N, C-alpha and C. Protein backbone atom coordinates (compact mmCIF):
# COMPACT_ATOMS: atom_id res chain seq x y z
N MET A 1 -88.16 257.91 22.05
CA MET A 1 -87.15 256.88 22.06
C MET A 1 -86.02 257.33 22.98
N ARG A 2 -85.60 256.46 23.87
CA ARG A 2 -84.58 256.80 24.85
C ARG A 2 -83.57 255.66 24.95
N TYR A 3 -82.30 255.99 24.92
CA TYR A 3 -81.23 255.01 24.97
C TYR A 3 -80.17 255.45 25.96
N ARG A 4 -79.55 254.50 26.63
CA ARG A 4 -78.42 254.82 27.50
C ARG A 4 -77.21 255.08 26.60
N LYS A 5 -76.47 256.15 26.88
CA LYS A 5 -75.28 256.50 26.10
C LYS A 5 -74.21 255.43 26.24
N LEU A 6 -73.42 255.31 25.19
CA LEU A 6 -72.26 254.43 25.20
C LEU A 6 -71.01 255.29 25.11
N ASP A 7 -69.95 254.87 25.81
CA ASP A 7 -68.69 255.61 25.73
C ASP A 7 -67.91 255.17 24.49
N ALA A 8 -66.71 255.69 24.34
CA ALA A 8 -65.88 255.39 23.16
C ALA A 8 -65.56 253.90 23.03
N ASP A 9 -65.56 253.17 24.14
CA ASP A 9 -65.29 251.74 24.12
C ASP A 9 -66.54 250.89 23.90
N GLY A 10 -67.70 251.54 23.81
CA GLY A 10 -68.95 250.82 23.61
C GLY A 10 -69.61 250.36 24.89
N ASP A 11 -69.12 250.85 26.03
CA ASP A 11 -69.70 250.48 27.33
C ASP A 11 -70.76 251.49 27.74
N ALA A 12 -71.78 251.03 28.45
CA ALA A 12 -72.85 251.91 28.92
C ALA A 12 -72.30 252.91 29.94
N VAL A 13 -72.83 254.15 29.88
CA VAL A 13 -72.40 255.22 30.77
C VAL A 13 -73.35 255.28 31.96
N PHE A 14 -72.78 255.34 33.16
CA PHE A 14 -73.56 255.42 34.39
C PHE A 14 -73.02 256.54 35.27
N GLY A 15 -73.86 257.01 36.22
CA GLY A 15 -73.40 257.91 37.26
C GLY A 15 -73.68 259.38 37.07
N ARG A 16 -74.32 259.74 35.96
CA ARG A 16 -74.60 261.15 35.74
C ARG A 16 -76.09 261.42 35.58
N SER A 17 -76.90 260.57 36.13
CA SER A 17 -78.36 260.73 36.11
C SER A 17 -78.89 260.84 34.69
N SER A 18 -79.64 261.88 34.39
CA SER A 18 -80.27 262.01 33.08
C SER A 18 -79.27 262.27 31.96
N LEU A 19 -78.05 262.67 32.30
CA LEU A 19 -77.01 262.89 31.28
C LEU A 19 -76.48 261.57 30.72
N ASP A 20 -76.88 260.46 31.32
CA ASP A 20 -76.47 259.14 30.85
C ASP A 20 -77.32 258.64 29.69
N PHE A 21 -78.31 259.41 29.28
CA PHE A 21 -79.26 258.99 28.25
C PHE A 21 -79.28 259.97 27.09
N ILE A 22 -79.62 259.44 25.91
CA ILE A 22 -79.91 260.27 24.75
C ILE A 22 -81.34 259.96 24.35
N SER A 23 -82.07 260.99 23.95
CA SER A 23 -83.49 260.80 23.64
C SER A 23 -83.89 261.55 22.39
N ASN A 24 -84.77 260.91 21.62
CA ASN A 24 -85.43 261.55 20.49
C ASN A 24 -84.50 262.38 19.62
N SER A 25 -83.45 261.74 19.13
CA SER A 25 -82.49 262.42 18.25
C SER A 25 -81.97 261.43 17.21
N PRO A 26 -81.39 261.95 16.13
CA PRO A 26 -80.78 261.04 15.16
C PRO A 26 -79.68 260.17 15.79
N GLU A 27 -78.96 260.72 16.77
CA GLU A 27 -77.92 259.98 17.48
C GLU A 27 -78.50 258.77 18.22
N THR A 28 -79.70 258.93 18.77
CA THR A 28 -80.35 257.83 19.48
C THR A 28 -80.61 256.66 18.53
N VAL A 29 -81.16 256.96 17.37
CA VAL A 29 -81.47 255.91 16.40
C VAL A 29 -80.19 255.30 15.85
N ALA A 30 -79.18 256.12 15.59
CA ALA A 30 -77.90 255.60 15.08
C ALA A 30 -77.28 254.63 16.08
N GLN A 31 -77.35 254.96 17.35
CA GLN A 31 -76.82 254.05 18.38
C GLN A 31 -77.61 252.76 18.42
N ALA A 32 -78.93 252.85 18.26
CA ALA A 32 -79.77 251.65 18.23
C ALA A 32 -79.37 250.76 17.05
N VAL A 33 -79.13 251.36 15.89
CA VAL A 33 -78.72 250.59 14.71
C VAL A 33 -77.39 249.90 14.97
N ARG A 34 -76.41 250.65 15.45
CA ARG A 34 -75.09 250.08 15.71
C ARG A 34 -75.17 248.94 16.73
N THR A 35 -75.94 249.12 17.78
CA THR A 35 -76.11 248.09 18.80
C THR A 35 -76.74 246.83 18.19
N ARG A 36 -77.76 247.03 17.36
CA ARG A 36 -78.42 245.89 16.72
C ARG A 36 -77.49 245.15 15.76
N LEU A 37 -76.63 245.88 15.05
CA LEU A 37 -75.69 245.23 14.14
C LEU A 37 -74.66 244.40 14.88
N LEU A 38 -74.28 244.83 16.07
CA LEU A 38 -73.27 244.12 16.84
C LEU A 38 -73.82 242.94 17.65
N LEU A 39 -75.15 242.83 17.75
CA LEU A 39 -75.76 241.73 18.49
C LEU A 39 -75.79 240.47 17.62
N LEU A 40 -75.16 239.42 18.08
CA LEU A 40 -75.17 238.15 17.35
C LEU A 40 -76.50 237.43 17.56
N ARG A 41 -77.00 236.79 16.53
CA ARG A 41 -78.23 236.01 16.67
C ARG A 41 -78.00 234.92 17.71
N GLY A 42 -78.95 234.84 18.67
CA GLY A 42 -78.87 233.85 19.72
C GLY A 42 -78.11 234.31 20.95
N GLU A 43 -77.53 235.51 20.91
CA GLU A 43 -76.72 236.01 22.03
C GLU A 43 -77.57 236.54 23.20
N TRP A 44 -78.72 237.10 22.91
CA TRP A 44 -79.54 237.70 23.95
C TRP A 44 -80.48 236.64 24.53
N PHE A 45 -80.33 236.35 25.81
CA PHE A 45 -81.05 235.24 26.42
C PHE A 45 -82.57 235.44 26.46
N LEU A 46 -83.04 236.68 26.39
CA LEU A 46 -84.49 236.91 26.42
C LEU A 46 -85.16 236.66 25.08
N ASP A 47 -84.39 236.70 23.99
CA ASP A 47 -84.93 236.42 22.67
C ASP A 47 -83.81 235.89 21.79
N VAL A 48 -83.63 234.59 21.76
CA VAL A 48 -82.53 233.98 21.00
C VAL A 48 -82.75 234.04 19.49
N THR A 49 -83.92 234.48 19.05
CA THR A 49 -84.16 234.63 17.61
C THR A 49 -83.72 236.00 17.11
N ASP A 50 -83.47 236.95 18.03
CA ASP A 50 -83.04 238.29 17.65
C ASP A 50 -81.53 238.30 17.43
N GLY A 51 -81.07 239.21 16.60
CA GLY A 51 -79.64 239.37 16.37
C GLY A 51 -79.29 239.30 14.90
N THR A 52 -78.09 239.72 14.57
CA THR A 52 -77.60 239.69 13.20
C THR A 52 -77.13 238.27 12.89
N PRO A 53 -77.56 237.71 11.76
CA PRO A 53 -77.26 236.31 11.45
C PRO A 53 -75.86 236.09 10.87
N TYR A 54 -74.83 236.38 11.66
CA TYR A 54 -73.46 236.23 11.17
C TYR A 54 -73.14 234.80 10.76
N ALA A 55 -73.47 233.84 11.58
CA ALA A 55 -73.09 232.45 11.32
C ALA A 55 -73.77 231.89 10.07
N THR A 56 -74.99 232.31 9.80
CA THR A 56 -75.74 231.71 8.69
C THR A 56 -75.74 232.52 7.40
N GLU A 57 -75.58 233.85 7.47
CA GLU A 57 -75.72 234.65 6.26
C GLU A 57 -74.56 235.59 5.97
N ILE A 58 -73.62 235.75 6.89
CA ILE A 58 -72.58 236.75 6.69
C ILE A 58 -71.20 236.15 6.58
N LEU A 59 -70.82 235.27 7.49
CA LEU A 59 -69.49 234.69 7.46
C LEU A 59 -69.36 233.66 6.35
N GLY A 60 -68.17 233.57 5.77
CA GLY A 60 -67.92 232.57 4.73
C GLY A 60 -67.52 233.21 3.42
N ALA A 61 -67.16 232.37 2.47
CA ALA A 61 -66.73 232.85 1.16
C ALA A 61 -67.93 233.16 0.28
N ASN A 62 -67.78 234.14 -0.56
CA ASN A 62 -68.80 234.52 -1.56
C ASN A 62 -70.16 234.85 -0.95
N THR A 63 -70.15 235.63 0.11
CA THR A 63 -71.42 235.97 0.77
C THR A 63 -71.77 237.46 0.66
N ALA A 64 -71.11 238.20 -0.24
CA ALA A 64 -71.32 239.66 -0.34
C ALA A 64 -72.79 240.02 -0.53
N GLN A 65 -73.49 239.35 -1.44
CA GLN A 65 -74.90 239.67 -1.67
C GLN A 65 -75.75 239.30 -0.46
N THR A 66 -75.42 238.22 0.19
CA THR A 66 -76.18 237.77 1.35
C THR A 66 -75.98 238.71 2.52
N TYR A 67 -74.73 239.06 2.83
CA TYR A 67 -74.52 239.89 4.02
C TYR A 67 -75.00 241.31 3.84
N ASP A 68 -74.89 241.87 2.63
CA ASP A 68 -75.42 243.22 2.42
C ASP A 68 -76.93 243.25 2.64
N LEU A 69 -77.61 242.25 2.14
CA LEU A 69 -79.06 242.16 2.30
C LEU A 69 -79.44 242.00 3.78
N ALA A 70 -78.74 241.13 4.49
CA ALA A 70 -79.04 240.88 5.92
C ALA A 70 -78.77 242.13 6.75
N ILE A 71 -77.69 242.84 6.47
CA ILE A 71 -77.35 244.04 7.24
C ILE A 71 -78.33 245.17 6.93
N ARG A 72 -78.67 245.36 5.66
CA ARG A 72 -79.65 246.40 5.29
C ARG A 72 -81.00 246.13 5.98
N GLU A 73 -81.41 244.87 5.98
CA GLU A 73 -82.67 244.49 6.62
C GLU A 73 -82.63 244.78 8.12
N ARG A 74 -81.51 244.49 8.73
CA ARG A 74 -81.34 244.74 10.17
C ARG A 74 -81.42 246.24 10.47
N ILE A 75 -80.84 247.06 9.60
CA ILE A 75 -80.89 248.51 9.77
C ILE A 75 -82.33 248.99 9.62
N LEU A 76 -83.00 248.57 8.57
CA LEU A 76 -84.37 249.03 8.29
C LEU A 76 -85.37 248.58 9.34
N ASP A 77 -85.10 247.47 10.02
CA ASP A 77 -86.01 246.98 11.05
C ASP A 77 -85.80 247.63 12.42
N THR A 78 -84.87 248.57 12.50
CA THR A 78 -84.60 249.27 13.75
C THR A 78 -85.65 250.34 13.99
N GLN A 79 -86.15 250.41 15.22
CA GLN A 79 -87.14 251.41 15.59
C GLN A 79 -86.58 252.81 15.31
N GLY A 80 -87.36 253.65 14.64
CA GLY A 80 -86.97 255.02 14.36
C GLY A 80 -86.35 255.23 13.00
N VAL A 81 -85.97 254.15 12.30
CA VAL A 81 -85.38 254.27 10.97
C VAL A 81 -86.48 254.35 9.92
N ILE A 82 -86.41 255.38 9.08
CA ILE A 82 -87.38 255.54 8.00
C ILE A 82 -86.84 254.95 6.70
N GLY A 83 -85.54 255.12 6.46
CA GLY A 83 -84.95 254.60 5.25
C GLY A 83 -83.44 254.74 5.24
N ILE A 84 -82.82 254.11 4.25
CA ILE A 84 -81.37 254.19 4.07
C ILE A 84 -81.10 255.12 2.90
N VAL A 85 -80.33 256.18 3.14
CA VAL A 85 -79.96 257.13 2.10
C VAL A 85 -78.79 256.59 1.30
N SER A 86 -77.75 256.13 2.00
CA SER A 86 -76.61 255.52 1.33
C SER A 86 -76.08 254.39 2.19
N TYR A 87 -75.46 253.42 1.52
CA TYR A 87 -74.95 252.24 2.20
C TYR A 87 -73.67 251.80 1.52
N GLU A 88 -72.66 251.47 2.33
CA GLU A 88 -71.41 250.97 1.78
C GLU A 88 -70.85 249.92 2.72
N SER A 89 -70.39 248.82 2.16
CA SER A 89 -69.71 247.80 2.96
C SER A 89 -68.36 247.53 2.30
N VAL A 90 -67.34 247.44 3.14
CA VAL A 90 -65.99 247.19 2.65
C VAL A 90 -65.43 245.98 3.39
N LEU A 91 -65.03 244.98 2.63
CA LEU A 91 -64.42 243.78 3.19
C LEU A 91 -62.93 243.83 2.88
N ALA A 92 -62.11 244.00 3.91
CA ALA A 92 -60.66 244.05 3.73
C ALA A 92 -59.98 243.35 4.89
N ASN A 93 -59.02 242.50 4.56
CA ASN A 93 -58.26 241.78 5.59
C ASN A 93 -59.16 241.04 6.58
N ARG A 94 -60.18 240.41 6.06
CA ARG A 94 -61.11 239.61 6.87
C ARG A 94 -61.91 240.43 7.87
N ALA A 95 -62.02 241.74 7.62
CA ALA A 95 -62.82 242.62 8.47
C ALA A 95 -63.85 243.33 7.60
N LEU A 96 -65.08 243.33 8.04
CA LEU A 96 -66.17 243.98 7.31
C LEU A 96 -66.52 245.28 8.02
N THR A 97 -66.47 246.39 7.27
CA THR A 97 -66.86 247.69 7.81
C THR A 97 -68.07 248.17 7.04
N VAL A 98 -69.09 248.58 7.77
CA VAL A 98 -70.33 249.05 7.16
C VAL A 98 -70.53 250.52 7.53
N THR A 99 -70.85 251.33 6.54
CA THR A 99 -71.19 252.74 6.77
C THR A 99 -72.50 253.00 6.07
N ALA A 100 -73.45 253.56 6.82
CA ALA A 100 -74.77 253.85 6.25
C ALA A 100 -75.25 255.21 6.73
N THR A 101 -75.81 255.96 5.81
CA THR A 101 -76.50 257.20 6.17
C THR A 101 -77.98 256.86 6.17
N ILE A 102 -78.64 257.16 7.29
CA ILE A 102 -80.04 256.77 7.45
C ILE A 102 -80.92 257.99 7.71
N ASN A 103 -82.15 257.90 7.25
CA ASN A 103 -83.18 258.86 7.63
C ASN A 103 -83.89 258.30 8.84
N THR A 104 -84.04 259.12 9.88
CA THR A 104 -84.71 258.69 11.09
C THR A 104 -85.93 259.59 11.33
N LEU A 105 -86.70 259.26 12.32
CA LEU A 105 -87.84 260.08 12.71
C LEU A 105 -87.40 261.48 13.13
N TYR A 106 -86.11 261.62 13.51
CA TYR A 106 -85.62 262.88 14.07
C TYR A 106 -84.63 263.60 13.17
N GLY A 107 -84.34 263.07 11.99
CA GLY A 107 -83.38 263.67 11.08
C GLY A 107 -82.45 262.61 10.52
N GLN A 108 -81.41 263.08 9.85
CA GLN A 108 -80.47 262.17 9.19
C GLN A 108 -79.26 261.91 10.08
N SER A 109 -78.71 260.69 10.00
CA SER A 109 -77.54 260.33 10.79
C SER A 109 -76.70 259.33 10.02
N THR A 110 -75.45 259.22 10.40
CA THR A 110 -74.54 258.25 9.78
C THR A 110 -74.11 257.23 10.83
N VAL A 111 -74.11 255.97 10.43
CA VAL A 111 -73.73 254.87 11.30
C VAL A 111 -72.54 254.17 10.66
N SER A 112 -71.53 253.89 11.46
CA SER A 112 -70.39 253.14 10.99
C SER A 112 -70.08 252.05 12.02
N ALA A 113 -69.85 250.85 11.53
CA ALA A 113 -69.56 249.74 12.45
C ALA A 113 -68.60 248.77 11.80
N ALA A 114 -67.61 248.36 12.57
CA ALA A 114 -66.70 247.31 12.14
C ALA A 114 -67.24 246.00 12.66
N LEU A 115 -67.63 245.12 11.76
CA LEU A 115 -68.30 243.89 12.17
C LEU A 115 -67.38 242.69 12.04
């Protein structure tokens, strides 16, 4: 598994040849999970069925059970993820933050994303 590195702002890193990529590590899978969580359903023109279903299952009142299920499913469907060790979602001030510790093919990693 090989992924282009992202900088602190979430932008792809270019210009350093092979140093621009991460491969076969827990960090690689964690980045894949975070990227998948931030992709809105219908946003990617090559597959409009892919993405996190924010509009239909996450946004709105009284959706805690729905969004936790949708986010966990999105994490588990990521290539390289074997399972979720721990999962926490915090909704505060209209911002949802998700933190998950995952088992990957390459070891354990923690993913955190403000959605």
